[in-house]
């Protein structure tokens, strides 16, 4: 976990989406993404992990994004998707970094495939 973050380290522009589930004409559940907005974030280096399950190799990319604190990240944490220059990451965890005025949120993202 990162102890301190300086605002100058938020140098990657990301866009945050919220998943919304609706039903189409036939009653199927359809997932659509609604943009919450663009933010600047500190992006950690993503690591490629290969899992060998039953002879199939699956690639999992993990990436952490640190953004300025907003309560919205805690109420919708399981329905968030972060898009940056490498693709879309599903948010799997949210963690507070720092305290007081220097409070940030760390979004833990995973991309499979």
Protein backbone atom coordinates (compact mmCIF):
# COMPACT_ATOMS: atom_id res chain seq x y z
CA UNK A 1 0.00 0.00 0.00
CA UNK A 2 1.21 3.48 -0.84
CA UNK A 3 1.70 5.69 2.23
CA UNK A 4 1.70 9.14 0.61
CA UNK A 5 0.60 10.44 -2.75
CA UNK A 6 1.42 13.83 -4.16
CA UNK A 7 -1.05 15.51 -6.50
CA UNK A 8 1.66 15.83 -9.17
CA UNK A 9 1.80 12.03 -9.41
CA UNK A 10 -1.75 11.91 -10.81
CA UNK A 11 -0.50 12.02 -14.38
CA UNK A 12 -2.65 9.48 -16.28
CA UNK A 13 -6.09 10.39 -17.54
CA UNK A 14 -8.69 7.68 -17.00
CA UNK A 15 -12.42 7.49 -17.52
CA UNK A 16 -14.67 5.83 -14.96
CA UNK A 17 -17.84 4.04 -16.00
CA UNK A 18 -20.70 2.56 -14.02
CA UNK A 19 -22.33 -0.68 -15.17
CA UNK A 20 -26.09 -0.53 -15.62
CA UNK A 21 -28.23 -3.58 -16.17
CA UNK A 22 -31.34 -3.24 -18.33
CA UNK A 23 -33.62 -5.63 -20.17
CA UNK A 24 -34.11 -5.63 -23.92
CA UNK A 25 -37.30 -6.44 -25.85
CA UNK A 26 -36.94 -10.20 -25.38
CA UNK A 27 -36.31 -9.92 -21.62
CA UNK A 28 -32.57 -10.58 -21.72
CA UNK A 29 -30.37 -8.74 -19.26
CA UNK A 30 -28.05 -6.33 -21.10
CA UNK A 31 -25.07 -4.57 -19.54
CA UNK A 32 -24.31 -1.01 -20.62
CA UNK A 33 -21.63 1.40 -19.45
CA UNK A 34 -22.47 4.96 -18.37
CA UNK A 35 -19.62 7.43 -18.04
CA UNK A 36 -19.21 9.02 -14.62
CA UNK A 37 -16.39 11.26 -15.77
CA UNK A 38 -12.72 11.61 -16.54
CA UNK A 39 -10.19 11.78 -13.72
CA UNK A 40 -6.44 11.99 -13.37
CA UNK A 41 -4.87 9.03 -11.61
CA UNK A 42 -1.60 7.53 -10.53
CA UNK A 43 -1.30 4.21 -12.32
CA UNK A 44 0.78 1.34 -11.03
CA UNK A 45 2.62 -0.97 -13.38
CA UNK A 46 0.32 -3.82 -14.27
CA UNK A 47 1.58 -7.36 -13.90
CA UNK A 48 0.71 -10.19 -16.26
CA UNK A 49 -0.22 -13.35 -14.41
CA UNK A 50 -0.80 -16.56 -16.27
CA UNK A 51 -2.94 -19.20 -14.59
CA UNK A 52 -2.76 -22.72 -15.89
CA UNK A 53 -6.09 -24.39 -15.12
CA UNK A 54 -6.69 -27.72 -16.80
CA UNK A 55 -4.17 -27.00 -19.52
CA UNK A 56 -5.65 -23.60 -20.43
CA UNK A 57 -3.49 -20.54 -19.95
CA UNK A 58 -5.46 -17.45 -19.01
CA UNK A 59 -3.94 -14.03 -18.79
CA UNK A 60 -4.91 -11.73 -15.91
CA UNK A 61 -3.74 -8.12 -15.86
CA UNK A 62 -3.90 -6.33 -12.53
CA UNK A 63 -3.57 -2.58 -12.20
CA UNK A 64 -4.07 -0.10 -9.38
CA UNK A 65 -5.32 3.44 -9.91
CA UNK A 66 -5.06 6.13 -7.23
CA UNK A 67 -7.53 9.01 -7.63
CA UNK A 68 -8.79 11.85 -5.45
CA UNK A 69 -11.24 10.86 -2.72
CA UNK A 70 -14.97 10.70 -3.52
CA UNK A 71 -17.67 8.83 -1.57
CA UNK A 72 -19.14 7.56 -4.83
CA UNK A 73 -16.36 4.97 -5.13
CA UNK A 74 -17.54 3.17 -1.99
CA UNK A 75 -21.25 3.06 -2.83
CA UNK A 76 -20.77 1.74 -6.39
CA UNK A 77 -17.49 -0.14 -6.07
CA UNK A 78 -18.68 -3.42 -7.57
CA UNK A 79 -20.24 -1.76 -10.62
CA UNK A 80 -17.28 0.38 -11.71
CA UNK A 81 -15.09 0.00 -14.79
CA UNK A 82 -11.92 2.03 -15.34
CA UNK A 83 -10.79 2.74 -18.91
CA UNK A 84 -7.25 3.91 -19.60
CA UNK A 85 -4.93 3.76 -22.60
CA UNK A 86 -4.50 -0.03 -22.33
CA UNK A 87 -8.16 -1.03 -22.05
CA UNK A 88 -10.96 -1.60 -19.55
CA UNK A 89 -10.37 -2.80 -15.98
CA UNK A 90 -13.14 -4.04 -13.69
CA UNK A 91 -12.81 -2.62 -10.18
CA UNK A 92 -12.50 -5.42 -7.62
CA UNK A 93 -11.55 -3.42 -4.54
CA UNK A 94 -11.47 0.08 -3.09
CA UNK A 95 -9.07 1.29 -0.41
CA UNK A 96 -8.46 4.66 1.25
CA UNK A 97 -4.93 6.05 1.05
CA UNK A 98 -3.85 8.89 3.33
CA UNK A 99 -5.97 11.01 5.63
CA UNK A 100 -7.40 14.51 5.96
CA UNK A 101 -6.92 16.78 2.98
CA UNK A 102 -4.45 14.35 1.45
CA UNK A 103 -6.95 11.51 1.22
CA UNK A 104 -7.03 9.45 -1.95
CA UNK A 105 -8.75 6.27 -3.11
CA UNK A 106 -6.96 3.27 -4.57
CA UNK A 107 -9.06 1.39 -7.14
CA UNK A 108 -7.85 -2.17 -7.74
CA UNK A 109 -8.64 -3.27 -11.26
CA UNK A 110 -8.50 -6.58 -13.11
CA UNK A 111 -8.65 -7.32 -16.82
CA UNK A 112 -9.01 -10.89 -17.99
CA UNK A 113 -8.27 -12.16 -21.42
